[in-house]
Amino acid sequence: MNTLDLHAAAALLRIHPVTLRTKARRGEIPGARIGKNWVFVEVDLIDYIRSQYPLRVMQGDQQEKSLCHSTNAKTHPSGGSRSTTTDRLYKEALGLLTS
């Protein structure tokens, strides 16, 4: 099992060492602080890189995934800028006379 110091791990990830240290502190990137030094397991960093791949690539899909999930959503009919139902509900809530 290969371990890397902060600078070698940053080079593998192609990010600045300060950025890596910050992300490791937050738990975003796997690593451990041993004494005053950060230690990273190379396999864990490779797994981290793979986790950043778009989902469709990992599944072998050849088509883009649609990000819109509302294509089957029902829409409410609208009849202009004023809704009589909304007006009636506001009047009832305020205790005004409704006709």
C-alpha atoms as a PDB file:
ATOM      1  CA  MET A   1       0.000   0.000   0.000  1.00  0.00           C
ATOM      2  CA  ASN A   2       1.563   3.285  -1.116  1.00  0.00           C
ATOM      3  CA  THR A   3       1.225   6.336   1.061  1.00  0.00           C
ATOM      4  CA  LEU A   4       1.805   9.884  -0.090  1.00  0.00           C
ATOM      5  CA  ASP A   5       2.695  13.068   1.719  1.00  0.00           C
ATOM      6  CA  LEU A   6       0.751  16.280   1.191  1.00  0.00           C
ATOM      7  CA  HIS A   7       2.776  17.465  -1.800  1.00  0.00           C
ATOM      8  CA  ALA A   8       2.802  14.108  -3.607  1.00  0.00           C
ATOM      9  CA  ALA A   9      -0.935  13.670  -3.036  1.00  0.00           C
ATOM     10  CA  ALA A  10      -1.595  17.204  -4.299  1.00  0.00           C
ATOM     11  CA  ALA A  11       0.477  16.426  -7.400  1.00  0.00           C
ATOM     12  CA  LEU A  12      -1.548  13.240  -8.000  1.00  0.00           C
ATOM     13  CA  LEU A  13      -4.814  15.160  -7.674  1.00  0.00           C
ATOM     14  CA  ARG A  14      -3.405  18.125  -9.606  1.00  0.00           C
ATOM     15  CA  ILE A  15      -4.482  20.606  -6.964  1.00  0.00           C
ATOM     16  CA  HIS A  16      -2.560  22.987  -4.748  1.00  0.00           C
ATOM     17  CA  PRO A  17      -1.291  21.500  -1.449  1.00  0.00           C
ATOM     18  CA  VAL A  18      -3.161  24.165   0.546  1.00  0.00           C
ATOM     19  CA  THR A  19      -6.405  23.206  -1.219  1.00  0.00           C
ATOM     20  CA  LEU A  20      -5.763  19.539  -0.458  1.00  0.00           C
ATOM     21  CA  ARG A  21      -5.049  20.265   3.203  1.00  0.00           C
ATOM     22  CA  THR A  22      -8.293  22.239   3.491  1.00  0.00           C
ATOM     23  CA  LYS A  23     -10.361  19.519   1.800  1.00  0.00           C
ATOM     24  CA  ALA A  24      -8.724  16.814   3.922  1.00  0.00           C
ATOM     25  CA  ARG A  25      -9.506  18.747   7.130  1.00  0.00           C
ATOM     26  CA  ARG A  26     -13.151  18.998   6.062  1.00  0.00           C
ATOM     27  CA  GLY A  27     -13.259  15.277   5.252  1.00  0.00           C
ATOM     28  CA  GLU A  28     -13.931  15.887   1.557  1.00  0.00           C
ATOM     29  CA  ILE A  29     -10.771  14.018   0.545  1.00  0.00           C
ATOM     30  CA  PRO A  30      -9.597  10.950   2.500  1.00  0.00           C
ATOM     31  CA  GLY A  31      -6.427  11.506   4.494  1.00  0.00           C
ATOM     32  CA  ALA A  32      -5.051  11.360   8.027  1.00  0.00           C
ATOM     33  CA  ARG A  33      -2.995  13.749  10.044  1.00  0.00           C
ATOM     34  CA  ILE A  34      -0.208  11.848  11.771  1.00  0.00           C
ATOM     35  CA  GLY A  35       1.556  14.221  14.117  1.00  0.00           C
ATOM     36  CA  LYS A  36       2.105  17.392  12.112  1.00  0.00           C
ATOM     37  CA  ASN A  37       2.067  15.683   8.711  1.00  0.00           C
ATOM     38  CA  TRP A  38      -0.750  14.627   6.417  1.00  0.00           C
ATOM     39  CA  VAL A  39      -0.647  11.090   5.022  1.00  0.00           C
ATOM     40  CA  PHE A  40      -2.755   9.916   2.082  1.00  0.00           C
ATOM     41  CA  VAL A  41      -3.241   6.374   0.789  1.00  0.00           C
ATOM     42  CA  GLU A  42      -2.795   6.371  -2.971  1.00  0.00           C
ATOM     43  CA  VAL A  43      -5.632   3.883  -3.578  1.00  0.00           C
ATOM     44  CA  ASP A  44      -8.027   6.079  -1.557  1.00  0.00           C
ATOM     45  CA  LEU A  45      -7.113   9.089  -3.677  1.00  0.00           C
ATOM     46  CA  ILE A  46      -7.690   7.121  -6.865  1.00  0.00           C
ATOM     47  CA  ASP A  47     -11.089   6.036  -5.517  1.00  0.00           C
ATOM     48  CA  TYR A  48     -11.806   9.691  -4.719  1.00  0.00           C
ATOM     49  CA  ILE A  49     -10.943  10.650  -8.307  1.00  0.00           C
ATOM     50  CA  ARG A  50     -13.211   7.903  -9.644  1.00  0.00           C
ATOM     51  CA  SER A  51     -16.041   9.098  -7.404  1.00  0.00           C
ATOM     52  CA  GLN A  52     -15.885  12.430  -9.211  1.00  0.00           C
ATOM     53  CA  TYR A  53     -16.610  10.838 -12.610  1.00  0.00           C
ATOM     54  CA  PRO A  54     -20.042  11.587 -14.041  1.00  0.00           C
ATOM     55  CA  LEU A  55     -22.413   8.743 -13.208  1.00  0.00           C
ATOM     56  CA  ARG A  56     -23.133   7.867 -16.841  1.00  0.00           C
ATOM     57  CA  VAL A  57     -19.466   7.175 -17.567  1.00  0.00           C
ATOM     58  CA  MET A  58     -19.237   4.734 -14.668  1.00  0.00           C
ATOM     59  CA  GLN A  59     -22.338   2.916 -15.903  1.00  0.00           C
ATOM     60  CA  GLY A  60     -21.148   2.746 -19.500  1.00  0.00           C
ATOM     61  CA  ASP A  61     -24.117   4.706 -20.818  1.00  0.00           C
ATOM     62  CA  GLN A  62     -23.707   6.175 -24.257  1.00  0.00           C
ATOM     63  CA  GLN A  63     -26.413   8.825 -23.928  1.00  0.00           C
ATOM     64  CA  GLU A  64     -26.634  11.966 -21.854  1.00  0.00           C
ATOM     65  CA  LYS A  65     -28.842  11.699 -18.797  1.00  0.00           C
ATOM     66  CA  SER A  66     -31.683  14.148 -18.637  1.00  0.00           C
ATOM     67  CA  LEU A  67     -31.374  16.408 -15.623  1.00  0.00           C
ATOM     68  CA  CYS A  68     -35.009  17.427 -15.878  1.00  0.00           C
ATOM     69  CA  HIS A  69     -37.292  15.075 -13.982  1.00  0.00           C
ATOM     70  CA  SER A  70     -40.458  17.097 -14.431  1.00  0.00           C
ATOM     71  CA  THR A  71     -41.404  16.036 -17.960  1.00  0.00           C
ATOM     72  CA  ASN A  72     -44.330  14.009 -16.615  1.00  0.00           C
ATOM     73  CA  ALA A  73     -45.353  16.609 -14.065  1.00  0.00           C
ATOM     74  CA  LYS A  74     -48.928  17.830 -14.167  1.00  0.00           C
ATOM     75  CA  THR A  75     -49.333  21.539 -14.624  1.00  0.00           C
ATOM     76  CA  HIS A  76     -52.177  23.585 -13.234  1.00  0.00           C
ATOM     77  CA  PRO A  77     -54.159  25.621 -15.728  1.00  0.00           C
ATOM     78  CA  SER A  78     -53.753  29.328 -15.386  1.00  0.00           C
ATOM     79  CA  GLY A  79     -56.055  32.006 -16.651  1.00  0.00           C
ATOM     80  CA  GLY A  80     -54.079  35.194 -16.586  1.00  0.00           C
ATOM     81  CA  SER A  81     -52.378  37.242 -13.954  1.00  0.00           C
ATOM     82  CA  ARG A  82     -55.169  36.970 -11.371  1.00  0.00           C
ATOM     83  CA  SER A  83     -56.547  33.796  -9.910  1.00  0.00           C
ATOM     84  CA  THR A  84     -60.090  33.947  -8.577  1.00  0.00           C
ATOM     85  CA  THR A  85     -59.386  30.972  -6.312  1.00  0.00           C
ATOM     86  CA  THR A  86     -56.432  32.748  -4.727  1.00  0.00           C
ATOM     87  CA  ASP A  87     -58.435  35.958  -4.342  1.00  0.00           C
ATOM     88  CA  ARG A  88     -61.259  34.045  -2.648  1.00  0.00           C
ATOM     89  CA  LEU A  89     -58.858  32.279  -0.272  1.00  0.00           C
ATOM     90  CA  TYR A  90     -57.209  35.582   0.711  1.00  0.00           C
ATOM     91  CA  LYS A  91     -60.581  37.205   1.342  1.00  0.00           C
ATOM     92  CA  GLU A  92     -61.709  34.262   3.482  1.00  0.00           C
ATOM     93  CA  ALA A  93     -58.466  34.330   5.463  1.00  0.00           C
ATOM     94  CA  LEU A  94     -58.868  38.046   6.127  1.00  0.00           C
ATOM     95  CA  GLY A  95     -62.544  37.646   7.056  1.00  0.00           C
ATOM     96  CA  LEU A  96     -63.753  39.739   4.149  1.00  0.00           C
ATOM     97  CA  LEU A  97     -67.073  39.093   2.486  1.00  0.00           C
ATOM     98  CA  THR A  98     -66.904  36.698  -0.437  1.00  0.00           C
ATOM     99  CA  SER A  99     -69.514  36.536  -3.124  1.00  0.00           C
END
